[in-house]
Amino acid sequence: MKMAKMIQGACHCGAVTFEVSAPKFVVSCNCSICRRYGAYWAHCPPNDGAILTGQDHTKTYSWGDHMIDFHACKTCGCITHWSAGKNADQDRFAVNLRMAPLEVMHMLTVRHFDGADSWEFLD
């Protein structure tokens, strides 16, 4: 099976949906929050990824330096994406491809990022 050029995903209840270009790889980060979320982040330019439905149906969480805001569905609690926070120095965006269909997840290349210590890829 070949990876689609565009990948769609949704939270568990379907209130928040997104579409992004298929990434070369996704990031599994071990920082204190990402390891708890268990996300596979697909980083993309903000104009290349789109929240199709439910942007107003998310609650945000930001901590520390407030560089990024994590978005979760207000109904089911799934972490769907993150966006640039109030102190961000650039416009950034990533979606959690664990929200994609299972057959898509099996085709992803996962890179492991040490967000807890070195801020470098471990592979």
PDB file of N, CA and C in Angstrom:
ATOM      1  N   MET A   1       0.845  -1.176   0.000  1.00  0.00           N
ATOM      2  CA  MET A   1       0.000   0.000   0.000  1.00  0.00           C
ATOM      3  C   MET A   1       0.892   1.242   0.000  1.00  0.00           C
ATOM      4  N   LYS A   2       0.541   2.205  -0.821  1.00  0.00           N
ATOM      5  CA  LYS A   2       1.315   3.435  -0.951  1.00  0.00           C
ATOM      6  C   LYS A   2       0.702   4.528  -0.079  1.00  0.00           C
ATOM      7  N   MET A   3       1.558   5.344   0.524  1.00  0.00           N
ATOM      8  CA  MET A   3       1.104   6.448   1.365  1.00  0.00           C
ATOM      9  C   MET A   3       0.404   7.502   0.505  1.00  0.00           C
ATOM     10  N   ALA A   4      -0.746   7.959   0.957  1.00  0.00           N
ATOM     11  CA  ALA A   4      -1.479   9.015   0.260  1.00  0.00           C
ATOM     12  C   ALA A   4      -0.700  10.323   0.333  1.00  0.00           C
ATOM     13  N   LYS A   5      -0.917  11.197  -0.644  1.00  0.00           N
ATOM     14  CA  LYS A   5      -0.240  12.498  -0.632  1.00  0.00           C
ATOM     15  C   LYS A   5      -0.775  13.379   0.482  1.00  0.00           C
ATOM     16  N   MET A   6      -2.047  13.243   0.789  1.00  0.00           N
ATOM     17  CA  MET A   6      -2.670  13.987   1.883  1.00  0.00           C
ATOM     18  C   MET A   6      -3.168  12.982   2.914  1.00  0.00           C
ATOM     19  N   ILE A   7      -2.989  13.317   4.175  1.00  0.00           N
ATOM     20  CA  ILE A   7      -3.438  12.449   5.265  1.00  0.00           C
ATOM     21  C   ILE A   7      -4.484  13.195   6.071  1.00  0.00           C
ATOM     22  N   GLN A   8      -5.575  12.515   6.335  1.00  0.00           N
ATOM     23  CA  GLN A   8      -6.620  13.085   7.178  1.00  0.00           C
ATOM     24  C   GLN A   8      -6.628  12.363   8.510  1.00  0.00           C
ATOM     25  N   GLY A   9      -7.044  13.077   9.536  1.00  0.00           N
ATOM     26  CA  GLY A   9      -7.139  12.495  10.857  1.00  0.00           C
ATOM     27  C   GLY A   9      -8.256  13.156  11.629  1.00  0.00           C
ATOM     28  N   ALA A  10      -8.626  12.538  12.737  1.00  0.00           N
ATOM     29  CA  ALA A  10      -9.706  13.069  13.568  1.00  0.00           C
ATOM     30  C   ALA A  10      -9.532  12.581  14.995  1.00  0.00           C
ATOM     31  N   CYS A  11     -10.056  13.367  15.911  1.00  0.00           N
ATOM     32  CA  CYS A  11     -10.078  12.931  17.305  1.00  0.00           C
ATOM     33  C   CYS A  11     -11.054  11.755  17.429  1.00  0.00           C
ATOM     34  N   HIS A  12     -11.139  11.155  18.591  1.00  0.00           N
ATOM     35  CA  HIS A  12     -11.964   9.966  18.787  1.00  0.00           C
ATOM     36  C   HIS A  12     -13.438  10.213  18.497  1.00  0.00           C
ATOM     37  N   CYS A  13     -13.966  11.355  18.910  1.00  0.00           N
ATOM     38  CA  CYS A  13     -15.393  11.636  18.697  1.00  0.00           C
ATOM     39  C   CYS A  13     -15.673  12.255  17.331  1.00  0.00           C
ATOM     40  N   GLY A  14     -14.626  12.665  16.608  1.00  0.00           N
ATOM     41  CA  GLY A  14     -14.794  13.225  15.268  1.00  0.00           C
ATOM     42  C   GLY A  14     -15.080  14.708  15.214  1.00  0.00           C
ATOM     43  N   ALA A  15     -15.070  15.385  16.338  1.00  0.00           N
ATOM     44  CA  ALA A  15     -15.373  16.824  16.350  1.00  0.00           C
ATOM     45  C   ALA A  15     -14.241  17.661  15.760  1.00  0.00           C
ATOM     46  N   VAL A  16     -12.993  17.197  15.906  1.00  0.00           N
ATOM     47  CA  VAL A  16     -11.833  17.923  15.379  1.00  0.00           C
ATOM     48  C   VAL A  16     -11.204  17.060  14.285  1.00  0.00           C
ATOM     49  N   THR A  17     -11.114  17.614  13.079  1.00  0.00           N
ATOM     50  CA  THR A  17     -10.507  16.886  11.967  1.00  0.00           C
ATOM     51  C   THR A  17      -9.420  17.742  11.338  1.00  0.00           C
ATOM     52  N   PHE A  18      -8.461  17.081  10.687  1.00  0.00           N
ATOM     53  CA  PHE A  18      -7.380  17.810  10.026  1.00  0.00           C
ATOM     54  C   PHE A  18      -6.953  17.089   8.760  1.00  0.00           C
ATOM     55  N   GLU A  19      -6.185  17.811   7.957  1.00  0.00           N
ATOM     56  CA  GLU A  19      -5.585  17.252   6.749  1.00  0.00           C
ATOM     57  C   GLU A  19      -4.213  17.882   6.571  1.00  0.00           C
ATOM     58  N   VAL A  20      -3.218  17.055   6.278  1.00  0.00           N
ATOM     59  CA  VAL A  20      -1.852  17.537   6.057  1.00  0.00           C
ATOM     60  C   VAL A  20      -1.221  16.763   4.906  1.00  0.00           C
ATOM     61  N   SER A  21      -0.217  17.363   4.309  1.00  0.00           N
ATOM     62  CA  SER A  21       0.589  16.645   3.321  1.00  0.00           C
ATOM     63  C   SER A  21       1.338  15.531   4.040  1.00  0.00           C
ATOM     64  N   ALA A  22       1.482  14.397   3.384  1.00  0.00           N
ATOM     65  CA  ALA A  22       2.197  13.271   3.992  1.00  0.00           C
ATOM     66  C   ALA A  22       3.630  13.687   4.314  1.00  0.00           C
ATOM     67  N   PRO A  23       4.050  13.526   5.563  1.00  0.00           N
ATOM     68  CA  PRO A  23       5.410  13.929   5.940  1.00  0.00           C
ATOM     69  C   PRO A  23       6.433  12.854   5.580  1.00  0.00           C
ATOM     70  N   LYS A  24       7.703  13.258   5.500  1.00  0.00           N
ATOM     71  CA  LYS A  24       8.780  12.282   5.293  1.00  0.00           C
ATOM     72  C   LYS A  24       8.930  11.409   6.533  1.00  0.00           C
ATOM     73  N   PHE A  25       8.672  12.005   7.696  1.00  0.00           N
ATOM     74  CA  PHE A  25       8.739  11.270   8.952  1.00  0.00           C
ATOM     75  C   PHE A  25       7.895  11.997   9.992  1.00  0.00           C
ATOM     76  N   VAL A  26       7.596  11.293  11.071  1.00  0.00           N
ATOM     77  CA  VAL A  26       6.929  11.903  12.220  1.00  0.00           C
ATOM     78  C   VAL A  26       7.898  11.861  13.388  1.00  0.00           C
ATOM     79  N   VAL A  27       7.641  12.697  14.377  1.00  0.00           N
ATOM     80  CA  VAL A  27       8.546  12.824  15.516  1.00  0.00           C
ATOM     81  C   VAL A  27       7.892  12.277  16.781  1.00  0.00           C
ATOM     82  N   SER A  28       8.614  11.393  17.436  1.00  0.00           N
ATOM     83  CA  SER A  28       8.246  10.919  18.761  1.00  0.00           C
ATOM     84  C   SER A  28       9.225  11.579  19.722  1.00  0.00           C
ATOM     85  N   CYS A  29       8.722  12.497  20.531  1.00  0.00           N
ATOM     86  CA  CYS A  29       9.557  13.283  21.437  1.00  0.00           C
ATOM     87  C   CYS A  29       9.445  12.731  22.856  1.00  0.00           C
ATOM     88  N   ASN A  30      10.548  12.767  23.592  1.00  0.00           N
ATOM     89  CA  ASN A  30      10.547  12.251  24.960  1.00  0.00           C
ATOM     90  C   ASN A  30      10.531  13.352  26.020  1.00  0.00           C
ATOM     91  N   CYS A  31      10.153  14.576  25.634  1.00  0.00           N
ATOM     92  CA  CYS A  31      10.071  15.631  26.651  1.00  0.00           C
ATOM     93  C   CYS A  31       8.961  15.279  27.644  1.00  0.00           C
ATOM     94  N   SER A  32       8.888  16.016  28.720  1.00  0.00           N
ATOM     95  CA  SER A  32       7.979  15.659  29.810  1.00  0.00           C
ATOM     96  C   SER A  32       6.514  15.621  29.403  1.00  0.00           C
ATOM     97  N   ILE A  33       6.121  16.403  28.414  1.00  0.00           N
ATOM     98  CA  ILE A  33       4.711  16.390  28.013  1.00  0.00           C
ATOM     99  C   ILE A  33       4.451  15.455  26.838  1.00  0.00           C
ATOM    100  N   CYS A  34       5.325  15.468  25.847  1.00  0.00           N
ATOM    101  CA  CYS A  34       5.094  14.626  24.661  1.00  0.00           C
ATOM    102  C   CYS A  34       5.113  13.140  25.002  1.00  0.00           C
ATOM    103  N   ARG A  35       5.984  12.735  25.920  1.00  0.00           N
ATOM    104  CA  ARG A  35       6.004  11.312  26.276  1.00  0.00           C
ATOM    105  C   ARG A  35       4.710  10.914  26.970  1.00  0.00           C
ATOM    106  N   ARG A  36       4.073  11.843  27.669  1.00  0.00           N
ATOM    107  CA  ARG A  36       2.783  11.554  28.285  1.00  0.00           C
ATOM    108  C   ARG A  36       1.671  11.498  27.239  1.00  0.00           C
ATOM    109  N   TYR A  37       1.753  12.376  26.245  1.00  0.00           N
ATOM    110  CA  TYR A  37       0.747  12.381  25.174  1.00  0.00           C
ATOM    111  C   TYR A  37       0.906  11.189  24.235  1.00  0.00           C
ATOM    112  N   GLY A  38       2.127  10.708  24.047  1.00  0.00           N
ATOM    113  CA  GLY A  38       2.354   9.587  23.142  1.00  0.00           C
ATOM    114  C   GLY A  38       2.107   9.934  21.685  1.00  0.00           C
ATOM    115  N   ALA A  39       2.303  11.185  21.339  1.00  0.00           N
ATOM    116  CA  ALA A  39       1.982  11.669  19.994  1.00  0.00           C
ATOM    117  C   ALA A  39       3.054  11.318  18.975  1.00  0.00           C
ATOM    118  N   TYR A  40       2.630  11.243  17.724  1.00  0.00           N
ATOM    119  CA  TYR A  40       3.519  11.213  16.566  1.00  0.00           C
ATOM    120  C   TYR A  40       3.302  12.529  15.846  1.00  0.00           C
ATOM    121  N   TRP A  41       4.212  13.469  16.025  1.00  0.00           N
ATOM    122  CA  TRP A  41       4.041  14.814  15.480  1.00  0.00           C
ATOM    123  C   TRP A  41       4.494  14.901  14.030  1.00  0.00           C
ATOM    124  N   ALA A  42       3.615  15.414  13.193  1.00  0.00           N
ATOM    125  CA  ALA A  42       3.948  15.737  11.803  1.00  0.00           C
ATOM    126  C   ALA A  42       4.065  17.250  11.739  1.00  0.00           C
ATOM    127  N   HIS A  43       5.299  17.740  11.676  1.00  0.00           N
ATOM    128  CA  HIS A  43       5.543  19.183  11.622  1.00  0.00           C
ATOM    129  C   HIS A  43       5.329  19.672  10.197  1.00  0.00           C
ATOM    130  N   CYS A  44       4.670  20.799  10.072  1.00  0.00           N
ATOM    131  CA  CYS A  44       4.428  21.348   8.740  1.00  0.00           C
ATOM    132  C   CYS A  44       4.261  22.860   8.837  1.00  0.00           C
ATOM    133  N   PRO A  45       4.498  23.547   7.723  1.00  0.00           N
ATOM    134  CA  PRO A  45       4.228  24.986   7.730  1.00  0.00           C
ATOM    135  C   PRO A  45       2.743  25.195   8.029  1.00  0.00           C
ATOM    136  N   PRO A  46       2.396  26.242   8.766  1.00  0.00           N
ATOM    137  CA  PRO A  46       0.993  26.461   9.122  1.00  0.00           C
ATOM    138  C   PRO A  46       0.049  26.513   7.922  1.00  0.00           C
ATOM    139  N   ASN A  47       0.531  26.953   6.771  1.00  0.00           N
ATOM    140  CA  ASN A  47      -0.342  27.012   5.601  1.00  0.00           C
ATOM    141  C   ASN A  47      -0.388  25.684   4.847  1.00  0.00           C
ATOM    142  N   ASP A  48       0.345  24.671   5.314  1.00  0.00           N
ATOM    143  CA  ASP A  48       0.351  23.364   4.663  1.00  0.00           C
ATOM    144  C   ASP A  48      -0.511  22.357   5.414  1.00  0.00           C
ATOM    145  N   GLY A  49      -0.851  22.663   6.626  1.00  0.00           N
ATOM    146  CA  GLY A  49      -1.716  21.808   7.417  1.00  0.00           C
ATOM    147  C   GLY A  49      -2.988  22.564   7.723  1.00  0.00           C
ATOM    148  N   ALA A  50      -4.074  21.853   7.815  1.00  0.00           N
ATOM    149  CA  ALA A  50      -5.336  22.544   8.044  1.00  0.00           C
ATOM    150  C   ALA A  50      -6.185  21.792   9.053  1.00  0.00           C
ATOM    151  N   ILE A  51      -6.711  22.536  10.004  1.00  0.00           N
ATOM    152  CA  ILE A  51      -7.741  21.994  10.869  1.00  0.00           C
ATOM    153  C   ILE A  51      -9.034  22.192  10.090  1.00  0.00           C
ATOM    154  N   LEU A  52      -9.646  21.101   9.663  1.00  0.00           N
ATOM    155  CA  LEU A  52     -10.821  21.192   8.801  1.00  0.00           C
ATOM    156  C   LEU A  52     -12.079  21.538   9.580  1.00  0.00           C
ATOM    157  N   THR A  53     -12.249  20.877  10.713  1.00  0.00           N
ATOM    158  CA  THR A  53     -13.418  21.156  11.552  1.00  0.00           C
ATOM    159  C   THR A  53     -12.994  21.149  13.011  1.00  0.00           C
ATOM    160  N   GLY A  54     -13.672  21.945  13.803  1.00  0.00           N
ATOM    161  CA  GLY A  54     -13.506  21.874  15.238  1.00  0.00           C
ATOM    162  C   GLY A  54     -12.428  22.721  15.874  1.00  0.00           C
ATOM    163  N   GLN A  55     -11.814  23.647  15.140  1.00  0.00           N
ATOM    164  CA  GLN A  55     -10.790  24.501  15.758  1.00  0.00           C
ATOM    165  C   GLN A  55     -11.349  25.191  17.006  1.00  0.00           C
ATOM    166  N   ASP A  56     -12.614  25.580  16.952  1.00  0.00           N
ATOM    167  CA  ASP A  56     -13.245  26.230  18.108  1.00  0.00           C
ATOM    168  C   ASP A  56     -13.730  25.210  19.141  1.00  0.00           C
ATOM    169  N   HIS A  57     -13.504  23.929  18.867  1.00  0.00           N
ATOM    170  CA  HIS A  57     -13.930  22.874  19.783  1.00  0.00           C
ATOM    171  C   HIS A  57     -12.735  22.291  20.547  1.00  0.00           C
ATOM    172  N   THR A  58     -11.625  23.045  20.568  1.00  0.00           N
ATOM    173  CA  THR A  58     -10.453  22.573  21.303  1.00  0.00           C
ATOM    174  C   THR A  58     -10.200  23.446  22.520  1.00  0.00           C
ATOM    175  N   LYS A  59      -9.560  22.842  23.494  1.00  0.00           N
ATOM    176  CA  LYS A  59      -9.033  23.600  24.627  1.00  0.00           C
ATOM    177  C   LYS A  59      -7.525  23.537  24.502  1.00  0.00           C
ATOM    178  N   THR A  60      -6.850  24.572  24.961  1.00  0.00           N
ATOM    179  CA  THR A  60      -5.398  24.619  24.810  1.00  0.00           C
ATOM    180  C   THR A  60      -4.705  24.510  26.160  1.00  0.00           C
ATOM    181  N   TYR A  61      -3.493  24.008  26.086  1.00  0.00           N
ATOM    182  CA  TYR A  61      -2.639  23.918  27.259  1.00  0.00           C
ATOM    183  C   TYR A  61      -1.251  24.397  26.860  1.00  0.00           C
ATOM    184  N   SER A  62      -0.713  25.300  27.635  1.00  0.00           N
ATOM    185  CA  SER A  62       0.628  25.821  27.407  1.00  0.00           C
ATOM    186  C   SER A  62       1.323  25.920  28.754  1.00  0.00           C
ATOM    187  N   TRP A  63       2.614  25.712  28.761  1.00  0.00           N
ATOM    188  CA  TRP A  63       3.353  25.771  30.025  1.00  0.00           C
ATOM    189  C   TRP A  63       4.769  26.250  29.752  1.00  0.00           C
ATOM    190  N   GLY A  64       5.526  26.460  30.800  1.00  0.00           N
ATOM    191  CA  GLY A  64       6.926  26.867  30.666  1.00  0.00           C
ATOM    192  C   GLY A  64       7.080  28.163  29.901  1.00  0.00           C
ATOM    193  N   ASP A  65       7.782  28.102  28.779  1.00  0.00           N
ATOM    194  CA  ASP A  65       8.073  29.314  28.005  1.00  0.00           C
ATOM    195  C   ASP A  65       6.939  29.728  27.066  1.00  0.00           C
ATOM    196  N   HIS A  66       5.856  28.983  27.026  1.00  0.00           N
ATOM    197  CA  HIS A  66       4.670  29.291  26.200  1.00  0.00           C
ATOM    198  C   HIS A  66       5.014  29.442  24.720  1.00  0.00           C
ATOM    199  N   MET A  67       5.912  28.589  24.244  1.00  0.00           N
ATOM    200  CA  MET A  67       6.284  28.615  22.829  1.00  0.00           C
ATOM    201  C   MET A  67       5.266  27.881  21.962  1.00  0.00           C
ATOM    202  N   ILE A  68       4.612  26.859  22.525  1.00  0.00           N
ATOM    203  CA  ILE A  68       3.586  26.149  21.766  1.00  0.00           C
ATOM    204  C   ILE A  68       2.355  25.922  22.629  1.00  0.00           C
ATOM    205  N   ASP A  69       1.207  25.867  21.955  1.00  0.00           N
ATOM    206  CA  ASP A  69      -0.073  25.575  22.598  1.00  0.00           C
ATOM    207  C   ASP A  69      -0.536  24.202  22.124  1.00  0.00           C
ATOM    208  N   PHE A  70      -0.758  23.294  23.048  1.00  0.00           N
ATOM    209  CA  PHE A  70      -1.291  21.977  22.714  1.00  0.00           C
ATOM    210  C   PHE A  70      -2.809  22.076  22.679  1.00  0.00           C
ATOM    211  N   HIS A  71      -3.410  21.484  21.651  1.00  0.00           N
ATOM    212  CA  HIS A  71      -4.857  21.538  21.475  1.00  0.00           C
ATOM    213  C   HIS A  71      -5.456  20.152  21.696  1.00  0.00           C
ATOM    214  N   ALA A  72      -6.505  20.096  22.509  1.00  0.00           N
ATOM    215  CA  ALA A  72      -7.215  18.848  22.777  1.00  0.00           C
ATOM    216  C   ALA A  72      -8.699  19.063  22.531  1.00  0.00           C
ATOM    217  N   CYS A  73      -9.362  18.036  22.029  1.00  0.00           N
ATOM    218  CA  CYS A  73     -10.805  18.107  21.818  1.00  0.00           C
ATOM    219  C   CYS A  73     -11.500  18.283  23.164  1.00  0.00           C
ATOM    220  N   LYS A  74     -12.452  19.199  23.226  1.00  0.00           N
ATOM    221  CA  LYS A  74     -13.187  19.452  24.468  1.00  0.00           C
ATOM    222  C   LYS A  74     -14.069  18.274  24.865  1.00  0.00           C
ATOM    223  N   THR A  75     -14.469  17.457  23.893  1.00  0.00           N
ATOM    224  CA  THR A  75     -15.364  16.340  24.193  1.00  0.00           C
ATOM    225  C   THR A  75     -14.606  15.079  24.587  1.00  0.00           C
ATOM    226  N   CYS A  76     -13.723  14.597  23.709  1.00  0.00           N
ATOM    227  CA  CYS A  76     -13.074  13.303  23.961  1.00  0.00           C
ATOM    228  C   CYS A  76     -11.674  13.423  24.561  1.00  0.00           C
ATOM    229  N   GLY A  77     -11.088  14.618  24.538  1.00  0.00           N
ATOM    230  CA  GLY A  77      -9.792  14.843  25.172  1.00  0.00           C
ATOM    231  C   GLY A  77      -8.571  14.492  24.346  1.00  0.00           C
ATOM    232  N   CYS A  78      -8.747  14.018  23.116  1.00  0.00           N
ATOM    233  CA  CYS A  78      -7.591  13.663  22.277  1.00  0.00           C
ATOM    234  C   CYS A  78      -6.751  14.890  21.953  1.00  0.00           C
ATOM    235  N   ILE A  79      -5.435  14.734  22.039  1.00  0.00           N
ATOM    236  CA  ILE A  79      -4.500  15.791  21.642  1.00  0.00           C
ATOM    237  C   ILE A  79      -4.384  15.724  20.127  1.00  0.00           C
ATOM    238  N   THR A  80      -4.908  16.730  19.438  1.00  0.00           N
ATOM    239  CA  THR A  80      -4.968  16.700  17.976  1.00  0.00           C
ATOM    240  C   THR A  80      -3.815  17.427  17.306  1.00  0.00           C
ATOM    241  N   HIS A  81      -3.340  18.514  17.912  1.00  0.00           N
ATOM    242  CA  HIS A  81      -2.293  19.303  17.265  1.00  0.00           C
ATOM    243  C   HIS A  81      -1.698  20.289  18.255  1.00  0.00           C
ATOM    244  N   TRP A  82      -0.639  20.938  17.811  1.00  0.00           N
ATOM    245  CA  TRP A  82      -0.125  22.087  18.551  1.00  0.00           C
ATOM    246  C   TRP A  82       0.132  23.208  17.566  1.00  0.00           C
ATOM    247  N   SER A  83       0.103  24.418  18.102  1.00  0.00           N
ATOM    248  CA  SER A  83       0.336  25.613  17.287  1.00  0.00           C
ATOM    249  C   SER A  83       1.263  26.553  18.053  1.00  0.00           C
ATOM    250  N   ALA A  84       1.709  27.586  17.368  1.00  0.00           N
ATOM    251  CA  ALA A  84       2.614  28.550  17.993  1.00  0.00           C
ATOM    252  C   ALA A  84       1.942  29.201  19.197  1.00  0.00           C
ATOM    253  N   GLY A  85       2.672  29.295  20.286  1.00  0.00           N
ATOM    254  CA  GLY A  85       2.175  29.942  21.491  1.00  0.00           C
ATOM    255  C   GLY A  85       2.446  31.433  21.478  1.00  0.00           C
ATOM    256  N   LYS A  86       2.054  32.093  22.559  1.00  0.00           N
ATOM    257  CA  LYS A  86       2.159  33.557  22.614  1.00  0.00           C
ATOM    258  C   LYS A  86       3.598  34.059  22.579  1.00  0.00           C
ATOM    259  N   ASN A  87       4.565  33.250  22.980  1.00  0.00           N
ATOM    260  CA  ASN A  87       5.967  33.675  22.979  1.00  0.00           C
ATOM    261  C   ASN A  87       6.781  33.054  21.846  1.00  0.00           C
ATOM    262  N   ALA A  88       6.116  32.462  20.882  1.00  0.00           N
ATOM    263  CA  ALA A  88       6.828  31.806  19.778  1.00  0.00           C
ATOM    264  C   ALA A  88       7.536  32.833  18.910  1.00  0.00           C
ATOM    265  N   ASP A  89       8.731  32.463  18.465  1.00  0.00           N
ATOM    266  CA  ASP A  89       9.492  33.351  17.599  1.00  0.00           C
ATOM    267  C   ASP A  89       9.192  33.109  16.120  1.00  0.00           C
ATOM    268  N   GLN A  90       8.415  32.076  15.840  1.00  0.00           N
ATOM    269  CA  GLN A  90       8.015  31.795  14.463  1.00  0.00           C
ATOM    270  C   GLN A  90       6.671  31.080  14.470  1.00  0.00           C
ATOM    271  N   ASP A  91       5.969  31.142  13.347  1.00  0.00           N
ATOM    272  CA  ASP A  91       4.685  30.475  13.218  1.00  0.00           C
ATOM    273  C   ASP A  91       4.943  28.992  12.978  1.00  0.00           C
ATOM    274  N   ARG A  92       4.518  28.145  13.904  1.00  0.00           N
ATOM    275  CA  ARG A  92       4.776  26.711  13.814  1.00  0.00           C
ATOM    276  C   ARG A  92       3.477  25.950  14.013  1.00  0.00           C
ATOM    277  N   PHE A  93       3.468  24.704  13.513  1.00  0.00           N
ATOM    278  CA  PHE A  93       2.256  23.903  13.565  1.00  0.00           C
ATOM    279  C   PHE A  93       2.627  22.430  13.423  1.00  0.00           C
ATOM    280  N   ALA A  94       1.968  21.570  14.167  1.00  0.00           N
ATOM    281  CA  ALA A  94       2.154  20.127  14.012  1.00  0.00           C
ATOM    282  C   ALA A  94       0.850  19.432  14.368  1.00  0.00           C
ATOM    283  N   VAL A  95       0.565  18.349  13.672  1.00  0.00           N
ATOM    284  CA  VAL A  95      -0.612  17.545  13.990  1.00  0.00           C
ATOM    285  C   VAL A  95      -0.150  16.207  14.547  1.00  0.00           C
ATOM    286  N   ASN A  96      -1.005  15.605  15.339  1.00  0.00           N
ATOM    287  CA  ASN A  96      -0.721  14.315  15.943  1.00  0.00           C
ATOM    288  C   ASN A  96      -1.243  13.230  15.003  1.00  0.00           C
ATOM    289  N   LEU A  97      -0.337  12.574  14.290  1.00  0.00           N
ATOM    290  CA  LEU A  97      -0.773  11.563  13.333  1.00  0.00           C
ATOM    291  C   LEU A  97      -1.209  10.261  13.988  1.00  0.00           C
ATOM    292  N   ARG A  98      -1.216  10.204  15.305  1.00  0.00           N
ATOM    293  CA  ARG A  98      -1.887   9.081  15.971  1.00  0.00           C
ATOM    294  C   ARG A  98      -3.403   9.198  15.783  1.00  0.00           C
ATOM    295  N   MET A  99      -3.859  10.328  15.282  1.00  0.00           N
ATOM    296  CA  MET A  99      -5.278  10.537  14.977  1.00  0.00           C
ATOM    297  C   MET A  99      -5.624  10.062  13.565  1.00  0.00           C
ATOM    298  N   ALA A 100      -4.628   9.631  12.807  1.00  0.00           N
ATOM    299  CA  ALA A 100      -4.842   9.142  11.439  1.00  0.00           C
ATOM    300  C   ALA A 100      -5.324   7.688  11.486  1.00  0.00           C
ATOM    301  N   PRO A 101      -5.867   7.197  10.379  1.00  0.00           N
ATOM    302  CA  PRO A 101      -6.277   5.789  10.331  1.00  0.00           C
ATOM    303  C   PRO A 101      -5.096   4.853  10.612  1.00  0.00           C
ATOM    304  N   LEU A 102      -5.384   3.711  11.187  1.00  0.00           N
ATOM    305  CA  LEU A 102      -4.355   2.754  11.587  1.00  0.00           C
ATOM    306  C   LEU A 102      -3.469   2.335  10.420  1.00  0.00           C
ATOM    307  N   GLU A 103      -4.051   2.135   9.245  1.00  0.00           N
ATOM    308  CA  GLU A 103      -3.241   1.710   8.099  1.00  0.00           C
ATOM    309  C   GLU A 103      -2.227   2.778   7.696  1.00  0.00           C
ATOM    310  N   VAL A 104      -2.525   4.043   7.949  1.00  0.00           N
ATOM    311  CA  VAL A 104      -1.573   5.125   7.683  1.00  0.00           C
ATOM    312  C   VAL A 104      -0.462   5.091   8.728  1.00  0.00           C
ATOM    313  N   MET A 105      -0.832   4.916   9.975  1.00  0.00           N
ATOM    314  CA  MET A 105       0.165   4.883  11.054  1.00  0.00           C
ATOM    315  C   MET A 105       1.214   3.799  10.837  1.00  0.00           C
ATOM    316  N   HIS A 106       0.812   2.665  10.300  1.00  0.00           N
ATOM    317  CA  HIS A 106       1.751   1.559  10.075  1.00  0.00           C
ATOM    318  C   HIS A 106       2.785   1.883   9.005  1.00  0.00           C
ATOM    319  N   MET A 107       2.518   2.874   8.167  1.00  0.00           N
ATOM    320  CA  MET A 107       3.439   3.227   7.088  1.00  0.00           C
ATOM    321  C   MET A 107       4.356   4.394   7.446  1.00  0.00           C
ATOM    322  N   LEU A 108       4.179   4.995   8.598  1.00  0.00           N
ATOM    323  CA  LEU A 108       4.967   6.165   8.971  1.00  0.00           C
ATOM    324  C   LEU A 108       6.389   5.796   9.388  1.00  0.00           C
ATOM    325  N   THR A 109       7.317   6.645   9.031  1.00  0.00           N
ATOM    326  CA  THR A 109       8.684   6.545   9.535  1.00  0.00           C
ATOM    327  C   THR A 109       8.754   7.409  10.786  1.00  0.00           C
ATOM    328  N   VAL A 110       9.125   6.799  11.901  1.00  0.00           N
ATOM    329  CA  VAL A 110       9.164   7.508  13.180  1.00  0.00           C
ATOM    330  C   VAL A 110      10.610   7.839  13.533  1.00  0.00           C
ATOM    331  N   ARG A 111      10.863   9.114  13.805  1.00  0.00           N
ATOM    332  CA  ARG A 111      12.177   9.552  14.293  1.00  0.00           C
ATOM    333  C   ARG A 111      12.031   9.903  15.768  1.00  0.00           C
ATOM    334  N   HIS A 112      13.026   9.563  16.539  1.00  0.00           N
ATOM    335  CA  HIS A 112      12.985   9.780  17.987  1.00  0.00           C
ATOM    336  C   HIS A 112      13.819  11.003  18.347  1.00  0.00           C
ATOM    337  N   PHE A 113      13.150  11.952  18.993  1.00  0.00           N
ATOM    338  CA  PHE A 113      13.776  13.230  19.338  1.00  0.00           C
ATOM    339  C   PHE A 113      13.949  13.334  20.842  1.00  0.00           C
ATOM    340  N   ASP A 114      15.136  13.727  21.274  1.00  0.00           N
ATOM    341  CA  ASP A 114      15.434  13.880  22.697  1.00  0.00           C
ATOM    342  C   ASP A 114      15.094  15.296  23.151  1.00  0.00           C
ATOM    343  N   GLY A 115      13.811  15.545  23.367  1.00  0.00           N
ATOM    344  CA  GLY A 115      13.362  16.845  23.860  1.00  0.00           C
ATOM    345  C   GLY A 115      13.555  16.996  25.357  1.00  0.00           C
ATOM    346  N   ALA A 116      13.951  15.916  26.023  1.00  0.00           N
ATOM    347  CA  ALA A 116      14.164  15.957  27.468  1.00  0.00           C
ATOM    348  C   ALA A 116      15.563  16.425  27.841  1.00  0.00           C
ATOM    349  N   ASP A 117      16.515  16.279  26.920  1.00  0.00           N
ATOM    350  CA  ASP A 117      17.894  16.568  27.301  1.00  0.00           C
ATOM    351  C   ASP A 117      18.685  17.273  26.195  1.00  0.00           C
ATOM    352  N   SER A 118      19.059  16.556  25.154  1.00  0.00           N
ATOM    353  CA  SER A 118      20.017  17.090  24.180  1.00  0.00           C
ATOM    354  C   SER A 118      19.405  17.931  23.063  1.00  0.00           C
ATOM    355  N   TRP A 119      18.112  17.838  22.845  1.00  0.00           N
ATOM    356  CA  TRP A 119      17.433  18.520  21.737  1.00  0.00           C
ATOM    357  C   TRP A 119      18.001  18.082  20.391  1.00  0.00           C
ATOM    358  N   GLU A 120      18.312  16.795  20.279  1.00  0.00           N
ATOM    359  CA  GLU A 120      18.814  16.213  19.041  1.00  0.00           C
ATOM    360  C   GLU A 120      18.052  14.932  18.748  1.00  0.00           C
ATOM    361  N   PHE A 121      18.045  14.550  17.477  1.00  0.00           N
ATOM    362  CA  PHE A 121      17.451  13.271  17.118  1.00  0.00           C
ATOM    363  C   PHE A 121      18.350  12.153  17.613  1.00  0.00           C
ATOM    364  N   LEU A 122      17.752  11.085  18.084  1.00  0.00           N
ATOM    365  CA  LEU A 122      18.490   9.959  18.640  1.00  0.00           C
ATOM    366  C   LEU A 122      18.761   8.880  17.604  1.00  0.00           C
ATOM    367  N   ASP A 123      18.216   9.013  16.417  1.00  0.00           N
ATOM    368  CA  ASP A 123      18.411   8.004  15.369  1.00  0.00           C
ATOM    369  C   ASP A 123      18.991   8.612  14.111  1.00  0.00           C
TER     370      ASP A 123
END
